[in-house]
Amino acid sequence: MSMWTAIALIAIAGIASEAYRQRTKDKLSRADQESLDAINRRIDSIESELRKRVETLERIVTDRSQDLKREFDRLDKTG
């Protein structure tokens, strides 16, 4: 095998390994992005639920005492 053949084979092997590494990196990147999207959807869901709860608590705190008693009774029945 001549020196030029060896150089060509080394170059081809380097190019092939870099292409494989890049393809594997892209697959992992897509999987990571999908995972992040799922986490963001879960966070949005939890944030929405917490907002509703805070609104309910604010309403309970700012209502008159009669309304407050009714709200506690309603919460006891549903909870």
PDB file of N, CA and C in Angstrom:
ATOM      1  N   MET A   1       0.858  -1.158   0.000  1.00  0.00           N
ATOM      2  CA  MET A   1       0.000   0.000   0.000  1.00  0.00           C
ATOM      3  C   MET A   1       0.912   1.232   0.000  1.00  0.00           C
ATOM      4  N   SER A   2       0.582   2.134  -0.890  1.00  0.00           N
ATOM      5  CA  SER A   2       1.412   3.334  -0.979  1.00  0.00           C
ATOM      6  C   SER A   2       1.010   4.342   0.087  1.00  0.00           C
ATOM      7  N   MET A   3       1.860   5.326   0.268  1.00  0.00           N
ATOM      8  CA  MET A   3       1.601   6.367   1.268  1.00  0.00           C
ATOM      9  C   MET A   3       0.325   7.138   0.914  1.00  0.00           C
ATOM     10  N   TRP A   4       0.086   7.405  -0.352  1.00  0.00           N
ATOM     11  CA  TRP A   4      -1.088   8.176  -0.773  1.00  0.00           C
ATOM     12  C   TRP A   4      -2.379   7.380  -0.553  1.00  0.00           C
ATOM     13  N   THR A   5      -2.305   6.091  -0.714  1.00  0.00           N
ATOM     14  CA  THR A   5      -3.473   5.244  -0.463  1.00  0.00           C
ATOM     15  C   THR A   5      -3.806   5.260   1.029  1.00  0.00           C
ATOM     16  N   ALA A   6      -2.790   5.173   1.852  1.00  0.00           N
ATOM     17  CA  ALA A   6      -3.002   5.212   3.302  1.00  0.00           C
ATOM     18  C   ALA A   6      -3.596   6.557   3.726  1.00  0.00           C
ATOM     19  N   ILE A   7      -3.078   7.640   3.174  1.00  0.00           N
ATOM     20  CA  ILE A   7      -3.601   8.975   3.491  1.00  0.00           C
ATOM     21  C   ILE A   7      -5.069   9.080   3.073  1.00  0.00           C
ATOM     22  N   ALA A   8      -5.404   8.565   1.893  1.00  0.00           N
ATOM     23  CA  ALA A   8      -6.784   8.609   1.401  1.00  0.00           C
ATOM     24  C   ALA A   8      -7.700   7.783   2.302  1.00  0.00           C
ATOM     25  N   LEU A   9      -7.249   6.609   2.725  1.00  0.00           N
ATOM     26  CA  LEU A   9      -8.066   5.767   3.603  1.00  0.00           C
ATOM     27  C   LEU A   9      -8.279   6.430   4.970  1.00  0.00           C
ATOM     28  N   ILE A  10      -7.253   7.043   5.493  1.00  0.00           N
ATOM     29  CA  ILE A  10      -7.383   7.755   6.768  1.00  0.00           C
ATOM     30  C   ILE A  10      -8.359   8.917   6.637  1.00  0.00           C
ATOM     31  N   ALA A  11      -8.265   9.666   5.531  1.00  0.00           N
ATOM     32  CA  ALA A  11      -9.181  10.792   5.313  1.00  0.00           C
ATOM     33  C   ALA A  11     -10.620  10.304   5.190  1.00  0.00           C
ATOM     34  N   ILE A  12     -10.832   9.223   4.455  1.00  0.00           N
ATOM     35  CA  ILE A  12     -12.183   8.672   4.282  1.00  0.00           C
ATOM     36  C   ILE A  12     -12.726   8.186   5.624  1.00  0.00           C
ATOM     37  N   ALA A  13     -11.899   7.523   6.415  1.00  0.00           N
ATOM     38  CA  ALA A  13     -12.332   7.046   7.725  1.00  0.00           C
ATOM     39  C   ALA A  13     -12.692   8.229   8.629  1.00  0.00           C
ATOM     40  N   GLY A  14     -11.915   9.293   8.574  1.00  0.00           N
ATOM     41  CA  GLY A  14     -12.211  10.490   9.378  1.00  0.00           C
ATOM     42  C   GLY A  14     -13.525  11.141   8.977  1.00  0.00           C
ATOM     43  N   ILE A  15     -13.739  11.245   7.684  1.00  0.00           N
ATOM     44  CA  ILE A  15     -14.979  11.845   7.186  1.00  0.00           C
ATOM     45  C   ILE A  15     -16.181  10.988   7.590  1.00  0.00           C
ATOM     46  N   ALA A  16     -16.055   9.668   7.455  1.00  0.00           N
ATOM     47  CA  ALA A  16     -17.158   8.768   7.809  1.00  0.00           C
ATOM     48  C   ALA A  16     -17.457   8.827   9.309  1.00  0.00           C
ATOM     49  N   SER A  17     -16.410   8.849  10.116  1.00  0.00           N
ATOM     50  CA  SER A  17     -16.648   8.901  11.557  1.00  0.00           C
ATOM     51  C   SER A  17     -17.264  10.231  11.978  1.00  0.00           C
ATOM     52  N   GLU A  18     -16.869  11.318  11.356  1.00  0.00           N
ATOM     53  CA  GLU A  18     -17.454  12.635  11.666  1.00  0.00           C
ATOM     54  C   GLU A  18     -18.924  12.677  11.241  1.00  0.00           C
ATOM     55  N   ALA A  19     -19.242  12.104  10.083  1.00  0.00           N
ATOM     56  CA  ALA A  19     -20.642  12.057   9.636  1.00  0.00           C
ATOM     57  C   ALA A  19     -21.490  11.238  10.606  1.00  0.00           C
ATOM     58  N   TYR A  20     -20.977  10.109  11.068  1.00  0.00           N
ATOM     59  CA  TYR A  20     -21.696   9.277  12.036  1.00  0.00           C
ATOM     60  C   TYR A  20     -21.891  10.021  13.353  1.00  0.00           C
ATOM     61  N   ARG A  21     -20.846  10.685  13.826  1.00  0.00           N
ATOM     62  CA  ARG A  21     -20.925  11.437  15.078  1.00  0.00           C
ATOM     63  C   ARG A  21     -21.955  12.564  14.967  1.00  0.00           C
ATOM     64  N   GLN A  22     -21.979  13.266  13.845  1.00  0.00           N
ATOM     65  CA  GLN A  22     -22.928  14.359  13.646  1.00  0.00           C
ATOM     66  C   GLN A  22     -24.358  13.843  13.607  1.00  0.00           C
ATOM     67  N   ARG A  23     -24.578  12.703  12.935  1.00  0.00           N
ATOM     68  CA  ARG A  23     -25.921  12.123  12.861  1.00  0.00           C
ATOM     69  C   ARG A  23     -26.405  11.690  14.238  1.00  0.00           C
ATOM     70  N   THR A  24     -25.526  11.095  15.025  1.00  0.00           N
ATOM     71  CA  THR A  24     -25.876  10.672  16.377  1.00  0.00           C
ATOM     72  C   THR A  24     -26.178  11.880  17.252  1.00  0.00           C
ATOM     73  N   LYS A  25     -25.401  12.930  17.102  1.00  0.00           N
ATOM     74  CA  LYS A  25     -25.613  14.164  17.870  1.00  0.00           C
ATOM     75  C   LYS A  25     -26.969  14.773  17.538  1.00  0.00           C
ATOM     76  N   ASP A  26     -27.365  14.774  16.263  1.00  0.00           N
ATOM     77  CA  ASP A  26     -28.659  15.322  15.858  1.00  0.00           C
ATOM     78  C   ASP A  26     -29.811  14.525  16.461  1.00  0.00           C
ATOM     79  N   LYS A  27     -29.671  13.196  16.517  1.00  0.00           N
ATOM     80  CA  LYS A  27     -30.723  12.365  17.111  1.00  0.00           C
ATOM     81  C   LYS A  27     -30.877  12.673  18.591  1.00  0.00           C
ATOM     82  N   LEU A  28     -29.757  12.793  19.294  1.00  0.00           N
ATOM     83  CA  LEU A  28     -29.814  13.120  20.716  1.00  0.00           C
ATOM     84  C   LEU A  28     -30.394  14.506  20.938  1.00  0.00           C
ATOM     85  N   SER A  29     -30.047  15.425  20.080  1.00  0.00           N
ATOM     86  CA  SER A  29     -30.550  16.787  20.205  1.00  0.00           C
ATOM     87  C   SER A  29     -32.069  16.820  20.046  1.00  0.00           C
ATOM     88  N   ARG A  30     -32.602  16.058  19.089  1.00  0.00           N
ATOM     89  CA  ARG A  30     -34.052  16.009  18.896  1.00  0.00           C
ATOM     90  C   ARG A  30     -34.736  15.370  20.104  1.00  0.00           C
ATOM     91  N   ALA A  31     -34.138  14.323  20.643  1.00  0.00           N
ATOM     92  CA  ALA A  31     -34.720  13.657  21.817  1.00  0.00           C
ATOM     93  C   ALA A  31     -34.702  14.605  23.012  1.00  0.00           C
ATOM     94  N   ASP A  32     -33.617  15.341  23.179  1.00  0.00           N
ATOM     95  CA  ASP A  32     -33.532  16.310  24.269  1.00  0.00           C
ATOM     96  C   ASP A  32     -34.587  17.398  24.107  1.00  0.00           C
ATOM     97  N   GLN A  33     -34.791  17.872  22.886  1.00  0.00           N
ATOM     98  CA  GLN A  33     -35.782  18.917  22.634  1.00  0.00           C
ATOM     99  C   GLN A  33     -37.188  18.416  22.935  1.00  0.00           C
ATOM    100  N   GLU A  34     -37.490  17.172  22.559  1.00  0.00           N
ATOM    101  CA  GLU A  34     -38.805  16.598  22.847  1.00  0.00           C
ATOM    102  C   GLU A  34     -39.009  16.491  24.359  1.00  0.00           C
ATOM    103  N   SER A  35     -37.967  16.108  25.055  1.00  0.00           N
ATOM    104  CA  SER A  35     -38.041  16.010  26.515  1.00  0.00           C
ATOM    105  C   SER A  35     -38.290  17.383  27.134  1.00  0.00           C
ATOM    106  N   LEU A  36     -37.589  18.384  26.654  1.00  0.00           N
ATOM    107  CA  LEU A  36     -37.790  19.746  27.155  1.00  0.00           C
ATOM    108  C   LEU A  36     -39.197  20.252  26.860  1.00  0.00           C
ATOM    109  N   ASP A  37     -39.719  19.930  25.689  1.00  0.00           N
ATOM    110  CA  ASP A  37     -41.083  20.340  25.346  1.00  0.00           C
ATOM    111  C   ASP A  37     -42.101  19.697  26.292  1.00  0.00           C
ATOM    112  N   ALA A  38     -41.899  18.422  26.620  1.00  0.00           N
ATOM    113  CA  ALA A  38     -42.805  17.733  27.548  1.00  0.00           C
ATOM    114  C   ALA A  38     -42.737  18.377  28.932  1.00  0.00           C
ATOM    115  N   ILE A  39     -41.547  18.705  29.366  1.00  0.00           N
ATOM    116  CA  ILE A  39     -41.378  19.351  30.677  1.00  0.00           C
ATOM    117  C   ILE A  39     -42.048  20.719  30.673  1.00  0.00           C
ATOM    118  N   ASN A  40     -41.884  21.478  29.598  1.00  0.00           N
ATOM    119  CA  ASN A  40     -42.513  22.809  29.520  1.00  0.00           C
ATOM    120  C   ASN A  40     -44.030  22.713  29.529  1.00  0.00           C
ATOM    121  N   ARG A  41     -44.588  21.706  28.854  1.00  0.00           N
ATOM    122  CA  ARG A  41     -46.048  21.531  28.880  1.00  0.00           C
ATOM    123  C   ARG A  41     -46.519  21.214  30.292  1.00  0.00           C
ATOM    124  N   ARG A  42     -45.766  20.387  31.003  1.00  0.00           N
ATOM    125  CA  ARG A  42     -46.128  20.031  32.385  1.00  0.00           C
ATOM    126  C   ARG A  42     -46.056  21.256  33.287  1.00  0.00           C
ATOM    127  N   ILE A  43     -45.033  22.069  33.121  1.00  0.00           N
ATOM    128  CA  ILE A  43     -44.886  23.293  33.921  1.00  0.00           C
ATOM    129  C   ILE A  43     -46.043  24.242  33.636  1.00  0.00           C
ATOM    130  N   ASP A  44     -46.421  24.388  32.372  1.00  0.00           N
ATOM    131  CA  ASP A  44     -47.553  25.249  32.024  1.00  0.00           C
ATOM    132  C   ASP A  44     -48.842  24.763  32.670  1.00  0.00           C
ATOM    133  N   SER A  45     -49.037  23.459  32.683  1.00  0.00           N
ATOM    134  CA  SER A  45     -50.229  22.882  33.303  1.00  0.00           C
ATOM    135  C   SER A  45     -50.253  23.165  34.803  1.00  0.00           C
ATOM    136  N   ILE A  46     -49.131  22.953  35.456  1.00  0.00           N
ATOM    137  CA  ILE A  46     -49.049  23.202  36.901  1.00  0.00           C
ATOM    138  C   ILE A  46     -49.241  24.684  37.196  1.00  0.00           C
ATOM    139  N   GLU A  47     -48.651  25.539  36.371  1.00  0.00           N
ATOM    140  CA  GLU A  47     -48.791  26.984  36.576  1.00  0.00           C
ATOM    141  C   GLU A  47     -50.253  27.416  36.449  1.00  0.00           C
ATOM    142  N   SER A  48     -50.948  26.865  35.481  1.00  0.00           N
ATOM    143  CA  SER A  48     -52.363  27.189  35.292  1.00  0.00           C
ATOM    144  C   SER A  48     -53.183  26.765  36.509  1.00  0.00           C
ATOM    145  N   GLU A  49     -52.914  25.570  37.007  1.00  0.00           N
ATOM    146  CA  GLU A  49     -53.635  25.081  38.184  1.00  0.00           C
ATOM    147  C   GLU A  49     -53.342  25.965  39.402  1.00  0.00           C
ATOM    148  N   LEU A  50     -52.090  26.342  39.583  1.00  0.00           N
ATOM    149  CA  LEU A  50     -51.732  27.193  40.718  1.00  0.00           C
ATOM    150  C   LEU A  50     -52.387  28.570  40.624  1.00  0.00           C
ATOM    151  N   ARG A  51     -52.468  29.103  39.412  1.00  0.00           N
ATOM    152  CA  ARG A  51     -53.145  30.398  39.238  1.00  0.00           C
ATOM    153  C   ARG A  51     -54.606  30.321  39.679  1.00  0.00           C
ATOM    154  N   LYS A  52     -55.280  29.232  39.292  1.00  0.00           N
ATOM    155  CA  LYS A  52     -56.677  29.058  39.686  1.00  0.00           C
ATOM    156  C   LYS A  52     -56.805  28.984  41.201  1.00  0.00           C
ATOM    157  N   ARG A  53     -55.896  28.262  41.831  1.00  0.00           N
ATOM    158  CA  ARG A  53     -55.951  28.134  43.286  1.00  0.00           C
ATOM    159  C   ARG A  53     -55.699  29.476  43.976  1.00  0.00           C
ATOM    160  N   VAL A  54     -54.744  30.229  43.477  1.00  0.00           N
ATOM    161  CA  VAL A  54     -54.446  31.536  44.072  1.00  0.00           C
ATOM    162  C   VAL A  54     -55.632  32.474  43.891  1.00  0.00           C
ATOM    163  N   GLU A  55     -56.269  32.435  42.717  1.00  0.00           N
ATOM    164  CA  GLU A  55     -57.451  33.271  42.493  1.00  0.00           C
ATOM    165  C   GLU A  55     -58.557  32.916  43.478  1.00  0.00           C
ATOM    166  N   THR A  56     -58.747  31.627  43.715  1.00  0.00           N
ATOM    167  CA  THR A  56     -59.759  31.199  44.684  1.00  0.00           C
ATOM    168  C   THR A  56     -59.415  31.705  46.078  1.00  0.00           C
ATOM    169  N   LEU A  57     -58.163  31.552  46.459  1.00  0.00           N
ATOM    170  CA  LEU A  57     -57.744  32.039  47.781  1.00  0.00           C
ATOM    171  C   LEU A  57     -57.896  33.551  47.907  1.00  0.00           C
ATOM    172  N   GLU A  58     -57.560  34.283  46.860  1.00  0.00           N
ATOM    173  CA  GLU A  58     -57.731  35.744  46.894  1.00  0.00           C
ATOM    174  C   GLU A  58     -59.200  36.103  47.040  1.00  0.00           C
ATOM    175  N   ARG A  59     -60.045  35.384  46.314  1.00  0.00           N
ATOM    176  CA  ARG A  59     -61.475  35.656  46.398  1.00  0.00           C
ATOM    177  C   ARG A  59     -61.992  35.364  47.809  1.00  0.00           C
ATOM    178  N   ILE A  60     -61.530  34.266  48.409  1.00  0.00           N
ATOM    179  CA  ILE A  60     -61.958  33.918  49.766  1.00  0.00           C
ATOM    180  C   ILE A  60     -61.511  34.988  50.749  1.00  0.00           C
ATOM    181  N   VAL A  61     -60.296  35.451  50.619  1.00  0.00           N
ATOM    182  CA  VAL A  61     -59.742  36.430  51.561  1.00  0.00           C
ATOM    183  C   VAL A  61     -60.440  37.783  51.436  1.00  0.00           C
ATOM    184  N   THR A  62     -60.832  38.168  50.250  1.00  0.00           N
ATOM    185  CA  THR A  62     -61.420  39.500  50.055  1.00  0.00           C
ATOM    186  C   THR A  62     -62.937  39.531  50.183  1.00  0.00           C
ATOM    187  N   ASP A  63     -63.596  38.361  50.254  1.00  0.00           N
ATOM    188  CA  ASP A  63     -65.056  38.331  50.399  1.00  0.00           C
ATOM    189  C   ASP A  63     -65.479  38.701  51.822  1.00  0.00           C
ATOM    190  N   ARG A  64     -66.735  39.048  51.926  1.00  0.00           N
ATOM    191  CA  ARG A  64     -67.302  39.299  53.251  1.00  0.00           C
ATOM    192  C   ARG A  64     -67.337  38.000  54.042  1.00  0.00           C
ATOM    193  N   SER A  65     -67.529  38.080  55.334  1.00  0.00           N
ATOM    194  CA  SER A  65     -67.474  36.886  56.186  1.00  0.00           C
ATOM    195  C   SER A  65     -68.569  35.888  55.842  1.00  0.00           C
ATOM    196  N   GLN A  66     -69.756  36.352  55.445  1.00  0.00           N
ATOM    197  CA  GLN A  66     -70.838  35.430  55.078  1.00  0.00           C
ATOM    198  C   GLN A  66     -70.440  34.631  53.841  1.00  0.00           C
ATOM    199  N   ASP A  67     -69.884  35.325  52.870  1.00  0.00           N
ATOM    200  CA  ASP A  67     -69.435  34.641  51.656  1.00  0.00           C
ATOM    201  C   ASP A  67     -68.288  33.694  51.977  1.00  0.00           C
ATOM    202  N   LEU A  68     -67.448  34.106  52.890  1.00  0.00           N
ATOM    203  CA  LEU A  68     -66.318  33.278  53.288  1.00  0.00           C
ATOM    204  C   LEU A  68     -66.790  31.955  53.871  1.00  0.00           C
ATOM    205  N   LYS A  69     -67.804  32.009  54.715  1.00  0.00           N
ATOM    206  CA  LYS A  69     -68.323  30.791  55.325  1.00  0.00           C
ATOM    207  C   LYS A  69     -68.914  29.867  54.256  1.00  0.00           C
ATOM    208  N   ARG A  70     -69.654  30.442  53.314  1.00  0.00           N
ATOM    209  CA  ARG A  70     -70.236  29.634  52.239  1.00  0.00           C
ATOM    210  C   ARG A  70     -69.149  28.983  51.384  1.00  0.00           C
ATOM    211  N   GLU A  71     -68.092  29.721  51.113  1.00  0.00           N
ATOM    212  CA  GLU A  71     -66.996  29.190  50.300  1.00  0.00           C
ATOM    213  C   GLU A  71     -66.296  28.028  51.021  1.00  0.00           C
ATOM    214  N   PHE A  72     -66.069  28.178  52.323  1.00  0.00           N
ATOM    215  CA  PHE A  72     -65.466  27.084  53.088  1.00  0.00           C
ATOM    216  C   PHE A  72     -66.390  25.869  53.096  1.00  0.00           C
ATOM    217  N   ASP A  73     -67.675  26.092  53.245  1.00  0.00           N
ATOM    218  CA  ASP A  73     -68.622  24.964  53.210  1.00  0.00           C
ATOM    219  C   ASP A  73     -68.580  24.258  51.851  1.00  0.00           C
ATOM    220  N   ARG A  74     -68.529  25.047  50.800  1.00  0.00           N
ATOM    221  CA  ARG A  74     -68.489  24.481  49.443  1.00  0.00           C
ATOM    222  C   ARG A  74     -67.192  23.685  49.269  1.00  0.00           C
ATOM    223  N   LEU A  75     -66.085  24.209  49.731  1.00  0.00           N
ATOM    224  CA  LEU A  75     -64.806  23.515  49.611  1.00  0.00           C
ATOM    225  C   LEU A  75     -64.803  22.233  50.425  1.00  0.00           C
ATOM    226  N   ASP A  76     -65.445  22.251  51.600  1.00  0.00           N
ATOM    227  CA  ASP A  76     -65.513  21.034  52.406  1.00  0.00           C
ATOM    228  C   ASP A  76     -66.301  19.942  51.697  1.00  0.00           C
ATOM    229  N   LYS A  77     -67.373  20.352  51.011  1.00  0.00           N
ATOM    230  CA  LYS A  77     -68.204  19.376  50.306  1.00  0.00           C
ATOM    231  C   LYS A  77     -67.486  18.787  49.103  1.00  0.00           C
ATOM    232  N   THR A  78     -66.703  19.595  48.388  1.00  0.00           N
ATOM    233  CA  THR A  78     -66.018  19.111  47.195  1.00  0.00           C
ATOM    234  C   THR A  78     -64.713  18.403  47.534  1.00  0.00           C
ATOM    235  N   GLY A  79     -64.106  18.728  48.664  1.00  0.00           N
ATOM    236  CA  GLY A  79     -62.794  18.159  49.016  1.00  0.00           C
ATOM    237  C   GLY A  79     -62.956  17.023  49.890  1.00  0.00           C
TER     238      GLY A  79
END
